[in-house]
Amino acid sequence: MISHLLFVDDTLIFCKLEVDQLGYLRCILVLFEVMLGFKINLSKSVLIPIGEVPELNNLAQFFGCGVDYLPSSYLGLPLGATYKCKLVWDPVVERFWKKLAG
């Protein structure tokens, strides 16, 4: 089962480390490009493993993307960090204050 989240022109895809699921995912991405005429920029995409993932670099090469690790950030928000940690949220709060100040 593949789950996903869509944010404007960004997509997060979650799946288990199963060869058939990864193959289906790659086929879906190729069909998306062919049928809709869009180009997926996999060089700007990354795999972020959760837990131990064997052959991670081979998987990234299969998809044509890079590798990143948690904690990371997505759309300026922290991913995989302790949600109660003040140091994690200080930069986010600071950016909001700057936006509000104009």
Foldseek 3Di string as FASTA:
>chain_A
DKDWDDDPPDMDIDDDPDPVVLVVVLVVQVCCCVVVVDDDPQQPPEDEDDPDDPPRVVSCVVNVYYYDYPQDDDPRATDRDDPVDPVRCVVVVVVVVVVVVD
